[in-house]
mmCIF file of all heavy atoms, coordinates in Angstrom:
data_MODEL
# 
_entry.id   MODEL 
# 
loop_
_atom_site.group_PDB 
_atom_site.id 
_atom_site.type_symbol 
_atom_site.label_atom_id 
_atom_site.label_alt_id 
_atom_site.label_comp_id 
_atom_site.label_asym_id 
_atom_site.label_entity_id 
_atom_site.label_seq_id 
_atom_site.pdbx_PDB_ins_code 
_atom_site.Cartn_x 
_atom_site.Cartn_y 
_atom_site.Cartn_z 
_atom_site.occupancy 
_atom_site.B_iso_or_equiv 
_atom_site.pdbx_formal_charge 
_atom_site.auth_seq_id 
_atom_site.auth_comp_id 
_atom_site.auth_asym_id 
_atom_site.auth_atom_id 
_atom_site.pdbx_PDB_model_num 
ATOM 1   N N   . ALA A 1 1  ? -4.057  -2.433  6.223  1.00 0.00 ? 1  ALA A N   1 
ATOM 2   C CA  . ALA A 1 1  ? -4.468  -1.403  7.180  1.00 0.00 ? 1  ALA A CA  1 
ATOM 3   C C   . ALA A 1 1  ? -5.350  -2.002  8.276  1.00 0.00 ? 1  ALA A C   1 
ATOM 4   O O   . ALA A 1 1  ? -5.199  -1.659  9.457  1.00 0.00 ? 1  ALA A O   1 
ATOM 5   C CB  . ALA A 1 1  ? -5.206  -0.271  6.461  1.00 0.00 ? 1  ALA A CB  1 
ATOM 6   N N   . ARG A 1 2  ? -6.258  -2.891  7.912  1.00 0.00 ? 2  ARG A N   1 
ATOM 7   C CA  . ARG A 1 2  ? -7.117  -3.533  8.916  1.00 0.00 ? 2  ARG A CA  1 
ATOM 8   C C   . ARG A 1 2  ? -6.301  -4.407  9.858  1.00 0.00 ? 2  ARG A C   1 
ATOM 9   O O   . ARG A 1 2  ? -6.520  -4.412  11.067 1.00 0.00 ? 2  ARG A O   1 
ATOM 10  C CB  . ARG A 1 2  ? -8.195  -4.366  8.235  1.00 0.00 ? 2  ARG A CB  1 
ATOM 11  C CG  . ARG A 1 2  ? -9.281  -3.535  7.602  1.00 0.00 ? 2  ARG A CG  1 
ATOM 12  C CD  . ARG A 1 2  ? -10.306 -4.404  6.936  1.00 0.00 ? 2  ARG A CD  1 
ATOM 13  N NE  . ARG A 1 2  ? -11.379 -3.594  6.370  1.00 0.00 ? 2  ARG A NE  1 
ATOM 14  C CZ  . ARG A 1 2  ? -12.444 -4.110  5.798  1.00 0.00 ? 2  ARG A CZ  1 
ATOM 15  N NH1 . ARG A 1 2  ? -12.595 -5.420  5.705  1.00 0.00 ? 2  ARG A NH1 1 
ATOM 16  N NH2 . ARG A 1 2  ? -13.375 -3.313  5.308  1.00 0.00 ? 2  ARG A NH2 1 
ATOM 17  N N   . TYR A 1 3  ? -5.368  -5.170  9.303  1.00 0.00 ? 3  TYR A N   1 
ATOM 18  C CA  . TYR A 1 3  ? -4.500  -6.012  10.131 1.00 0.00 ? 3  TYR A CA  1 
ATOM 19  C C   . TYR A 1 3  ? -3.696  -5.143  11.095 1.00 0.00 ? 3  TYR A C   1 
ATOM 20  O O   . TYR A 1 3  ? -3.619  -5.430  12.287 1.00 0.00 ? 3  TYR A O   1 
ATOM 21  C CB  . TYR A 1 3  ? -3.574  -6.843  9.231  1.00 0.00 ? 3  TYR A CB  1 
ATOM 22  C CG  . TYR A 1 3  ? -2.604  -7.710  9.996  1.00 0.00 ? 3  TYR A CG  1 
ATOM 23  C CD1 . TYR A 1 3  ? -2.992  -8.956  10.477 1.00 0.00 ? 3  TYR A CD1 1 
ATOM 24  C CD2 . TYR A 1 3  ? -1.305  -7.279  10.239 1.00 0.00 ? 3  TYR A CD2 1 
ATOM 25  C CE1 . TYR A 1 3  ? -2.102  -9.754  11.182 1.00 0.00 ? 3  TYR A CE1 1 
ATOM 26  C CE2 . TYR A 1 3  ? -0.413  -8.078  10.945 1.00 0.00 ? 3  TYR A CE2 1 
ATOM 27  C CZ  . TYR A 1 3  ? -0.815  -9.312  11.413 1.00 0.00 ? 3  TYR A CZ  1 
ATOM 28  O OH  . TYR A 1 3  ? 0.073   -10.085 12.122 1.00 0.00 ? 3  TYR A OH  1 
ATOM 29  N N   . ASN A 1 4  ? -3.106  -4.067  10.573 1.00 0.00 ? 4  ASN A N   1 
ATOM 30  C CA  . ASN A 1 4  ? -2.310  -3.175  11.414 1.00 0.00 ? 4  ASN A CA  1 
ATOM 31  C C   . ASN A 1 4  ? -3.161  -2.529  12.503 1.00 0.00 ? 4  ASN A C   1 
ATOM 32  O O   . ASN A 1 4  ? -2.700  -2.363  13.634 1.00 0.00 ? 4  ASN A O   1 
ATOM 33  C CB  . ASN A 1 4  ? -1.616  -2.108  10.568 1.00 0.00 ? 4  ASN A CB  1 
ATOM 34  C CG  . ASN A 1 4  ? -0.487  -2.688  9.747  1.00 0.00 ? 4  ASN A CG  1 
ATOM 35  O OD1 . ASN A 1 4  ? 0.106   -3.709  10.092 1.00 0.00 ? 4  ASN A OD1 1 
ATOM 36  N ND2 . ASN A 1 4  ? -0.183  -2.042  8.641  1.00 0.00 ? 4  ASN A ND2 1 
ATOM 37  N N   . ALA A 1 5  ? -4.389  -2.172  12.186 1.00 0.00 ? 5  ALA A N   1 
ATOM 38  C CA  . ALA A 1 5  ? -5.277  -1.571  13.185 1.00 0.00 ? 5  ALA A CA  1 
ATOM 39  C C   . ALA A 1 5  ? -5.589  -2.581  14.289 1.00 0.00 ? 5  ALA A C   1 
ATOM 40  O O   . ALA A 1 5  ? -5.573  -2.233  15.479 1.00 0.00 ? 5  ALA A O   1 
ATOM 41  C CB  . ALA A 1 5  ? -6.559  -1.079  12.526 1.00 0.00 ? 5  ALA A CB  1 
ATOM 42  N N   . GLN A 1 6  ? -5.849  -3.825  13.905 1.00 0.00 ? 6  GLN A N   1 
ATOM 43  C CA  . GLN A 1 6  ? -6.092  -4.870  14.908 1.00 0.00 ? 6  GLN A CA  1 
ATOM 44  C C   . GLN A 1 6  ? -4.874  -5.050  15.801 1.00 0.00 ? 6  GLN A C   1 
ATOM 45  O O   . GLN A 1 6  ? -4.988  -5.143  17.013 1.00 0.00 ? 6  GLN A O   1 
ATOM 46  C CB  . GLN A 1 6  ? -6.397  -6.210  14.238 1.00 0.00 ? 6  GLN A CB  1 
ATOM 47  C CG  . GLN A 1 6  ? -7.801  -6.366  13.743 1.00 0.00 ? 6  GLN A CG  1 
ATOM 48  C CD  . GLN A 1 6  ? -7.980  -7.747  13.144 1.00 0.00 ? 6  GLN A CD  1 
ATOM 49  O OE1 . GLN A 1 6  ? -7.242  -8.154  12.246 1.00 0.00 ? 6  GLN A OE1 1 
ATOM 50  N NE2 . GLN A 1 6  ? -8.959  -8.471  13.634 1.00 0.00 ? 6  GLN A NE2 1 
ATOM 51  N N   . MET A 1 7  ? -3.702  -5.100  15.188 1.00 0.00 ? 7  MET A N   1 
ATOM 52  C CA  . MET A 1 7  ? -2.486  -5.320  15.950 1.00 0.00 ? 7  MET A CA  1 
ATOM 53  C C   . MET A 1 7  ? -2.160  -4.119  16.832 1.00 0.00 ? 7  MET A C   1 
ATOM 54  O O   . MET A 1 7  ? -1.650  -4.280  17.931 1.00 0.00 ? 7  MET A O   1 
ATOM 55  C CB  . MET A 1 7  ? -1.313  -5.624  15.018 1.00 0.00 ? 7  MET A CB  1 
ATOM 56  C CG  . MET A 1 7  ? -1.401  -6.978  14.341 1.00 0.00 ? 7  MET A CG  1 
ATOM 57  S SD  . MET A 1 7  ? -1.745  -8.345  15.471 1.00 0.00 ? 7  MET A SD  1 
ATOM 58  C CE  . MET A 1 7  ? -0.515  -8.119  16.718 1.00 0.00 ? 7  MET A CE  1 
ATOM 59  N N   . SER A 1 8  ? -2.465  -2.934  16.365 1.00 0.00 ? 8  SER A N   1 
ATOM 60  C CA  . SER A 1 8  ? -2.180  -1.724  17.127 1.00 0.00 ? 8  SER A CA  1 
ATOM 61  C C   . SER A 1 8  ? -2.822  -1.777  18.503 1.00 0.00 ? 8  SER A C   1 
ATOM 62  O O   . SER A 1 8  ? -2.216  -1.384  19.496 1.00 0.00 ? 8  SER A O   1 
ATOM 63  C CB  . SER A 1 8  ? -2.668  -0.501  16.347 1.00 0.00 ? 8  SER A CB  1 
ATOM 64  O OG  . SER A 1 8  ? -2.349  0.667   17.042 1.00 0.00 ? 8  SER A OG  1 
ATOM 65  N N   . GLU A 1 9  ? -4.043  -2.278  18.559 1.00 0.00 ? 9  GLU A N   1 
ATOM 66  C CA  . GLU A 1 9  ? -4.734  -2.408  19.842 1.00 0.00 ? 9  GLU A CA  1 
ATOM 67  C C   . GLU A 1 9  ? -3.995  -3.375  20.769 1.00 0.00 ? 9  GLU A C   1 
ATOM 68  O O   . GLU A 1 9  ? -3.921  -3.154  21.969 1.00 0.00 ? 9  GLU A O   1 
ATOM 69  C CB  . GLU A 1 9  ? -6.163  -2.899  19.619 1.00 0.00 ? 9  GLU A CB  1 
ATOM 70  C CG  . GLU A 1 9  ? -7.050  -1.908  18.906 1.00 0.00 ? 9  GLU A CG  1 
ATOM 71  C CD  . GLU A 1 9  ? -8.420  -2.484  18.576 1.00 0.00 ? 9  GLU A CD  1 
ATOM 72  O OE1 . GLU A 1 9  ? -8.827  -3.495  19.191 1.00 0.00 ? 9  GLU A OE1 1 
ATOM 73  O OE2 . GLU A 1 9  ? -9.084  -1.912  17.696 1.00 0.00 ? 9  GLU A OE2 1 
ATOM 74  N N   . GLN A 1 10 ? -3.453  -4.434  20.199 1.00 0.00 ? 10 GLN A N   1 
ATOM 75  C CA  . GLN A 1 10 ? -2.783  -5.460  20.995 1.00 0.00 ? 10 GLN A CA  1 
ATOM 76  C C   . GLN A 1 10 ? -1.405  -5.028  21.490 1.00 0.00 ? 10 GLN A C   1 
ATOM 77  O O   . GLN A 1 10 ? -0.960  -5.461  22.543 1.00 0.00 ? 10 GLN A O   1 
ATOM 78  C CB  . GLN A 1 10 ? -2.620  -6.750  20.174 1.00 0.00 ? 10 GLN A CB  1 
ATOM 79  C CG  . GLN A 1 10 ? -3.906  -7.365  19.702 1.00 0.00 ? 10 GLN A CG  1 
ATOM 80  C CD  . GLN A 1 10 ? -4.684  -7.991  20.842 1.00 0.00 ? 10 GLN A CD  1 
ATOM 81  O OE1 . GLN A 1 10 ? -4.120  -8.444  21.823 1.00 0.00 ? 10 GLN A OE1 1 
ATOM 82  N NE2 . GLN A 1 10 ? -5.996  -8.007  20.712 1.00 0.00 ? 10 GLN A NE2 1 
ATOM 83  N N   . ILE A 1 11 ? -0.715  -4.189  20.722 1.00 0.00 ? 11 ILE A N   1 
ATOM 84  C CA  . ILE A 1 11 ? 0.688   -3.902  21.021 1.00 0.00 ? 11 ILE A CA  1 
ATOM 85  C C   . ILE A 1 11 ? 0.916   -2.567  21.722 1.00 0.00 ? 11 ILE A C   1 
ATOM 86  O O   . ILE A 1 11 ? 1.992   -2.349  22.269 1.00 0.00 ? 11 ILE A O   1 
ATOM 87  C CB  . ILE A 1 11 ? 1.547   -3.966  19.741 1.00 0.00 ? 11 ILE A CB  1 
ATOM 88  C CG1 . ILE A 1 11 ? 1.119   -2.899  18.733 1.00 0.00 ? 11 ILE A CG1 1 
ATOM 89  C CG2 . ILE A 1 11 ? 1.504   -5.355  19.142 1.00 0.00 ? 11 ILE A CG2 1 
ATOM 90  C CD1 . ILE A 1 11 ? 1.962   -2.839  17.477 1.00 0.00 ? 11 ILE A CD1 1 
ATOM 91  N N   . SER A 1 12 ? -0.066  -1.703  21.700 1.00 0.00 ? 12 SER A N   1 
ATOM 92  C CA  . SER A 1 12 ? 0.146   -0.366  22.272 1.00 0.00 ? 12 SER A CA  1 
ATOM 93  C C   . SER A 1 12 ? 0.469   -0.424  23.761 1.00 0.00 ? 12 SER A C   1 
ATOM 94  O O   . SER A 1 12 ? 1.274   0.369   24.249 1.00 0.00 ? 12 SER A O   1 
ATOM 95  C CB  . SER A 1 12 ? -1.058  0.533   22.012 1.00 0.00 ? 12 SER A CB  1 
ATOM 96  O OG  . SER A 1 12 ? -2.210  0.006   22.638 1.00 0.00 ? 12 SER A OG  1 
ATOM 97  N N   . ASN A 1 13 ? -0.113  -1.380  24.469 1.00 0.00 ? 13 ASN A N   1 
ATOM 98  C CA  . ASN A 1 13 ? 0.169   -1.484  25.907 1.00 0.00 ? 13 ASN A CA  1 
ATOM 99  C C   . ASN A 1 13 ? 1.591   -1.983  26.181 1.00 0.00 ? 13 ASN A C   1 
ATOM 100 O O   . ASN A 1 13 ? 2.055   -1.912  27.309 1.00 0.00 ? 13 ASN A O   1 
ATOM 101 C CB  . ASN A 1 13 ? -0.860  -2.370  26.618 1.00 0.00 ? 13 ASN A CB  1 
ATOM 102 C CG  . ASN A 1 13 ? -0.856  -3.794  26.107 1.00 0.00 ? 13 ASN A CG  1 
ATOM 103 O OD1 . ASN A 1 13 ? -0.392  -4.058  25.008 1.00 0.00 ? 13 ASN A OD1 1 
ATOM 104 N ND2 . ASN A 1 13 ? -1.377  -4.706  26.894 1.00 0.00 ? 13 ASN A ND2 1 
ATOM 105 N N   . LEU A 1 14 ? 2.276   -2.482  25.155 1.00 0.00 ? 14 LEU A N   1 
ATOM 106 C CA  . LEU A 1 14 ? 3.678   -2.905  25.295 1.00 0.00 ? 14 LEU A CA  1 
ATOM 107 C C   . LEU A 1 14 ? 4.647   -1.806  24.874 1.00 0.00 ? 14 LEU A C   1 
ATOM 108 O O   . LEU A 1 14 ? 5.858   -2.019  24.823 1.00 0.00 ? 14 LEU A O   1 
ATOM 109 C CB  . LEU A 1 14 ? 3.933   -4.158  24.447 1.00 0.00 ? 14 LEU A CB  1 
ATOM 110 C CG  . LEU A 1 14 ? 3.143   -5.409  24.826 1.00 0.00 ? 14 LEU A CG  1 
ATOM 111 C CD1 . LEU A 1 14 ? 3.319   -6.494  23.780 1.00 0.00 ? 14 LEU A CD1 1 
ATOM 112 C CD2 . LEU A 1 14 ? 3.574   -5.904  26.189 1.00 0.00 ? 14 LEU A CD2 1 
ATOM 113 N N   . GLY A 1 15 ? 4.097   -0.630  24.536 1.00 0.00 ? 15 GLY A N   1 
ATOM 114 C CA  . GLY A 1 15 ? 4.946   0.473   24.092 1.00 0.00 ? 15 GLY A CA  1 
ATOM 115 C C   . GLY A 1 15 ? 5.386   0.321   22.649 1.00 0.00 ? 15 GLY A C   1 
ATOM 116 O O   . GLY A 1 15 ? 6.353   0.955   22.228 1.00 0.00 ? 15 GLY A O   1 
ATOM 117 N N   . LEU A 1 16 ? 4.689   -0.514  21.901 1.00 0.00 ? 16 LEU A N   1 
ATOM 118 C CA  . LEU A 1 16 ? 5.051   -0.741  20.504 1.00 0.00 ? 16 LEU A CA  1 
ATOM 119 C C   . LEU A 1 16 ? 4.046   -0.052  19.583 1.00 0.00 ? 16 LEU A C   1 
ATOM 120 O O   . LEU A 1 16 ? 2.902   0.168   19.947 1.00 0.00 ? 16 LEU A O   1 
ATOM 121 C CB  . LEU A 1 16 ? 5.058   -2.233  20.177 1.00 0.00 ? 16 LEU A CB  1 
ATOM 122 C CG  . LEU A 1 16 ? 6.069   -3.110  20.911 1.00 0.00 ? 16 LEU A CG  1 
ATOM 123 C CD1 . LEU A 1 16 ? 5.867   -4.568  20.530 1.00 0.00 ? 16 LEU A CD1 1 
ATOM 124 C CD2 . LEU A 1 16 ? 7.485   -2.677  20.601 1.00 0.00 ? 16 LEU A CD2 1 
ATOM 125 N N   . ASN A 1 17 ? 4.502   0.240   18.389 1.00 0.00 ? 17 ASN A N   1 
ATOM 126 C CA  . ASN A 1 17 ? 3.606   0.644   17.310 1.00 0.00 ? 17 ASN A CA  1 
ATOM 127 C C   . ASN A 1 17 ? 3.815   -0.354  16.172 1.00 0.00 ? 17 ASN A C   1 
ATOM 128 O O   . ASN A 1 17 ? 4.616   -1.285  16.290 1.00 0.00 ? 17 ASN A O   1 
ATOM 129 C CB  . ASN A 1 17 ? 3.871   2.096   16.887 1.00 0.00 ? 17 ASN A CB  1 
ATOM 130 C CG  . ASN A 1 17 ? 5.293   2.324   16.406 1.00 0.00 ? 17 ASN A CG  1 
ATOM 131 O OD1 . ASN A 1 17 ? 5.966   1.412   15.918 1.00 0.00 ? 17 ASN A OD1 1 
ATOM 132 N ND2 . ASN A 1 17 ? 5.773   3.546   16.548 1.00 0.00 ? 17 ASN A ND2 1 
ATOM 133 N N   . THR A 1 18 ? 3.104   -0.159  15.094 1.00 0.00 ? 18 THR A N   1 
ATOM 134 C CA  . THR A 1 18 ? 3.164   -1.117  13.985 1.00 0.00 ? 18 THR A CA  1 
ATOM 135 C C   . THR A 1 18 ? 4.581   -1.272  13.440 1.00 0.00 ? 18 THR A C   1 
ATOM 136 O O   . THR A 1 18 ? 5.042   -2.388  13.195 1.00 0.00 ? 18 THR A O   1 
ATOM 137 C CB  . THR A 1 18 ? 2.209   -0.683  12.856 1.00 0.00 ? 18 THR A CB  1 
ATOM 138 O OG1 . THR A 1 18 ? 0.888   -0.584  13.399 1.00 0.00 ? 18 THR A OG1 1 
ATOM 139 C CG2 . THR A 1 18 ? 2.190   -1.679  11.726 1.00 0.00 ? 18 THR A CG2 1 
ATOM 140 N N   . LEU A 1 19 ? 5.289   -0.173  13.269 1.00 0.00 ? 19 LEU A N   1 
ATOM 141 C CA  . LEU A 1 19 ? 6.648   -0.249  12.719 1.00 0.00 ? 19 LEU A CA  1 
ATOM 142 C C   . LEU A 1 19 ? 7.594   -0.983  13.658 1.00 0.00 ? 19 LEU A C   1 
ATOM 143 O O   . LEU A 1 19 ? 8.376   -1.834  13.224 1.00 0.00 ? 19 LEU A O   1 
ATOM 144 C CB  . LEU A 1 19 ? 7.184   1.142   12.398 1.00 0.00 ? 19 LEU A CB  1 
ATOM 145 C CG  . LEU A 1 19 ? 8.625   1.192   11.900 1.00 0.00 ? 19 LEU A CG  1 
ATOM 146 C CD1 . LEU A 1 19 ? 8.847   0.251   10.715 1.00 0.00 ? 19 LEU A CD1 1 
ATOM 147 C CD2 . LEU A 1 19 ? 9.005   2.606   11.542 1.00 0.00 ? 19 LEU A CD2 1 
ATOM 148 N N   . LYS A 1 20 ? 7.527   -0.685  14.935 1.00 0.00 ? 20 LYS A N   1 
ATOM 149 C CA  . LYS A 1 20 ? 8.394   -1.388  15.888 1.00 0.00 ? 20 LYS A CA  1 
ATOM 150 C C   . LYS A 1 20 ? 8.081   -2.876  15.892 1.00 0.00 ? 20 LYS A C   1 
ATOM 151 O O   . LYS A 1 20 ? 8.977   -3.715  15.953 1.00 0.00 ? 20 LYS A O   1 
ATOM 152 C CB  . LYS A 1 20 ? 8.217   -0.806  17.292 1.00 0.00 ? 20 LYS A CB  1 
ATOM 153 C CG  . LYS A 1 20 ? 8.758   0.588   17.468 1.00 0.00 ? 20 LYS A CG  1 
ATOM 154 C CD  . LYS A 1 20 ? 8.496   1.026   18.903 1.00 0.00 ? 20 LYS A CD  1 
ATOM 155 C CE  . LYS A 1 20 ? 8.711   2.475   19.143 1.00 0.00 ? 20 LYS A CE  1 
ATOM 156 N NZ  . LYS A 1 20 ? 8.366   2.854   20.521 1.00 0.00 ? 20 LYS A NZ  1 
ATOM 157 N N   . MET A 1 21 ? 6.778   -3.216  15.815 1.00 0.00 ? 21 MET A N   1 
ATOM 158 C CA  . MET A 1 21 ? 6.380   -4.617  15.779 1.00 0.00 ? 21 MET A CA  1 
ATOM 159 C C   . MET A 1 21 ? 6.941   -5.300  14.528 1.00 0.00 ? 21 MET A C   1 
ATOM 160 O O   . MET A 1 21 ? 7.484   -6.403  14.608 1.00 0.00 ? 21 MET A O   1 
ATOM 161 C CB  . MET A 1 21 ? 4.854   -4.730  15.805 1.00 0.00 ? 21 MET A CB  1 
ATOM 162 C CG  . MET A 1 21 ? 4.343   -6.159  15.684 1.00 0.00 ? 21 MET A CG  1 
ATOM 163 S SD  . MET A 1 21 ? 2.571   -6.243  15.307 1.00 0.00 ? 21 MET A SD  1 
ATOM 164 C CE  . MET A 1 21 ? 2.509   -5.567  13.657 1.00 0.00 ? 21 MET A CE  1 
ATOM 165 N N   . ARG A 1 22 ? 6.818   -4.634  13.378 1.00 0.00 ? 22 ARG A N   1 
ATOM 166 C CA  . ARG A 1 22 ? 7.334   -5.226  12.142 1.00 0.00 ? 22 ARG A CA  1 
ATOM 167 C C   . ARG A 1 22 ? 8.842   -5.398  12.210 1.00 0.00 ? 22 ARG A C   1 
ATOM 168 O O   . ARG A 1 22 ? 9.387   -6.412  11.772 1.00 0.00 ? 22 ARG A O   1 
ATOM 169 C CB  . ARG A 1 22 ? 6.948   -4.375  10.931 1.00 0.00 ? 22 ARG A CB  1 
ATOM 170 C CG  . ARG A 1 22 ? 5.497   -4.501  10.551 1.00 0.00 ? 22 ARG A CG  1 
ATOM 171 C CD  . ARG A 1 22 ? 5.185   -3.948  9.183  1.00 0.00 ? 22 ARG A CD  1 
ATOM 172 N NE  . ARG A 1 22 ? 5.724   -2.644  8.923  1.00 0.00 ? 22 ARG A NE  1 
ATOM 173 C CZ  . ARG A 1 22 ? 5.009   -1.571  8.631  1.00 0.00 ? 22 ARG A CZ  1 
ATOM 174 N NH1 . ARG A 1 22 ? 3.702   -1.643  8.567  1.00 0.00 ? 22 ARG A NH1 1 
ATOM 175 N NH2 . ARG A 1 22 ? 5.602   -0.420  8.394  1.00 0.00 ? 22 ARG A NH2 1 
ATOM 176 N N   . ALA A 1 23 ? 9.537   -4.407  12.771 1.00 0.00 ? 23 ALA A N   1 
ATOM 177 C CA  . ALA A 1 23 ? 10.990  -4.506  12.893 1.00 0.00 ? 23 ALA A CA  1 
ATOM 178 C C   . ALA A 1 23 ? 11.367  -5.678  13.787 1.00 0.00 ? 23 ALA A C   1 
ATOM 179 O O   . ALA A 1 23 ? 12.251  -6.479  13.437 1.00 0.00 ? 23 ALA A O   1 
ATOM 180 C CB  . ALA A 1 23 ? 11.575  -3.206  13.432 1.00 0.00 ? 23 ALA A CB  1 
ATOM 181 N N   . LEU A 1 24 ? 10.698  -5.818  14.930 1.00 0.00 ? 24 LEU A N   1 
ATOM 182 C CA  . LEU A 1 24 ? 10.988  -6.953  15.820 1.00 0.00 ? 24 LEU A CA  1 
ATOM 183 C C   . LEU A 1 24 ? 10.666  -8.276  15.139 1.00 0.00 ? 24 LEU A C   1 
ATOM 184 O O   . LEU A 1 24 ? 11.391  -9.263  15.307 1.00 0.00 ? 24 LEU A O   1 
ATOM 185 C CB  . LEU A 1 24 ? 10.218  -6.820  17.133 1.00 0.00 ? 24 LEU A CB  1 
ATOM 186 C CG  . LEU A 1 24 ? 10.705  -5.744  18.097 1.00 0.00 ? 24 LEU A CG  1 
ATOM 187 C CD1 . LEU A 1 24 ? 9.787   -5.678  19.320 1.00 0.00 ? 24 LEU A CD1 1 
ATOM 188 C CD2 . LEU A 1 24 ? 12.148  -5.978  18.524 1.00 0.00 ? 24 LEU A CD2 1 
ATOM 189 N N   . ALA A 1 25 ? 9.581   -8.311  14.369 1.00 0.00 ? 25 ALA A N   1 
ATOM 190 C CA  . ALA A 1 25 ? 9.211   -9.546  13.651 1.00 0.00 ? 25 ALA A CA  1 
ATOM 191 C C   . ALA A 1 25 ? 10.316  -9.944  12.689 1.00 0.00 ? 25 ALA A C   1 
ATOM 192 O O   . ALA A 1 25 ? 10.745  -11.108 12.645 1.00 0.00 ? 25 ALA A O   1 
ATOM 193 C CB  . ALA A 1 25 ? 7.886   -9.357  12.910 1.00 0.00 ? 25 ALA A CB  1 
ATOM 194 N N   . VAL A 1 26 ? 10.815  -8.984  11.909 1.00 0.00 ? 26 VAL A N   1 
ATOM 195 C CA  . VAL A 1 26 ? 11.895  -9.270  10.965 1.00 0.00 ? 26 VAL A CA  1 
ATOM 196 C C   . VAL A 1 26 ? 13.149  -9.700  11.714 1.00 0.00 ? 26 VAL A C   1 
ATOM 197 O O   . VAL A 1 26 ? 13.792  -10.695 11.358 1.00 0.00 ? 26 VAL A O   1 
ATOM 198 C CB  . VAL A 1 26 ? 12.186  -8.042  10.069 1.00 0.00 ? 26 VAL A CB  1 
ATOM 199 C CG1 . VAL A 1 26 ? 13.436  -8.261  9.227  1.00 0.00 ? 26 VAL A CG1 1 
ATOM 200 C CG2 . VAL A 1 26 ? 10.983  -7.725  9.185  1.00 0.00 ? 26 VAL A CG2 1 
ATOM 201 N N   . LEU A 1 27 ? 13.487  -8.964  12.767 1.00 0.00 ? 27 LEU A N   1 
ATOM 202 C CA  . LEU A 1 27 ? 14.697  -9.283  13.531 1.00 0.00 ? 27 LEU A CA  1 
ATOM 203 C C   . LEU A 1 27 ? 14.603  -10.631 14.227 1.00 0.00 ? 27 LEU A C   1 
ATOM 204 O O   . LEU A 1 27 ? 15.624  -11.255 14.511 1.00 0.00 ? 27 LEU A O   1 
ATOM 205 C CB  . LEU A 1 27 ? 14.978  -8.180  14.559 1.00 0.00 ? 27 LEU A CB  1 
ATOM 206 C CG  . LEU A 1 27 ? 15.374  -6.824  13.972 1.00 0.00 ? 27 LEU A CG  1 
ATOM 207 C CD1 . LEU A 1 27 ? 15.423  -5.766  15.064 1.00 0.00 ? 27 LEU A CD1 1 
ATOM 208 C CD2 . LEU A 1 27 ? 16.698  -6.918  13.226 1.00 0.00 ? 27 LEU A CD2 1 
ATOM 209 N N   . SER A 1 28 ? 13.394  -11.095 14.492 1.00 0.00 ? 28 SER A N   1 
ATOM 210 C CA  . SER A 1 28 ? 13.236  -12.407 15.121 1.00 0.00 ? 28 SER A CA  1 
ATOM 211 C C   . SER A 1 28 ? 13.553  -13.540 14.148 1.00 0.00 ? 28 SER A C   1 
ATOM 212 O O   . SER A 1 28 ? 13.795  -14.667 14.561 1.00 0.00 ? 28 SER A O   1 
ATOM 213 C CB  . SER A 1 28 ? 11.823  -12.573 15.681 1.00 0.00 ? 28 SER A CB  1 
ATOM 214 O OG  . SER A 1 28 ? 10.890  -12.833 14.648 1.00 0.00 ? 28 SER A OG  1 
# 
C-alpha cells in the first residue's frame, strides 16, 4: 500500500492509476 501510494503520486499526471501501471509493467 505504501509503495502504491508513492507511485500514485508519480503516475497520476500521466493519466495512470496503480492498476494501469501494473498492467503496463507486466505487458512490458
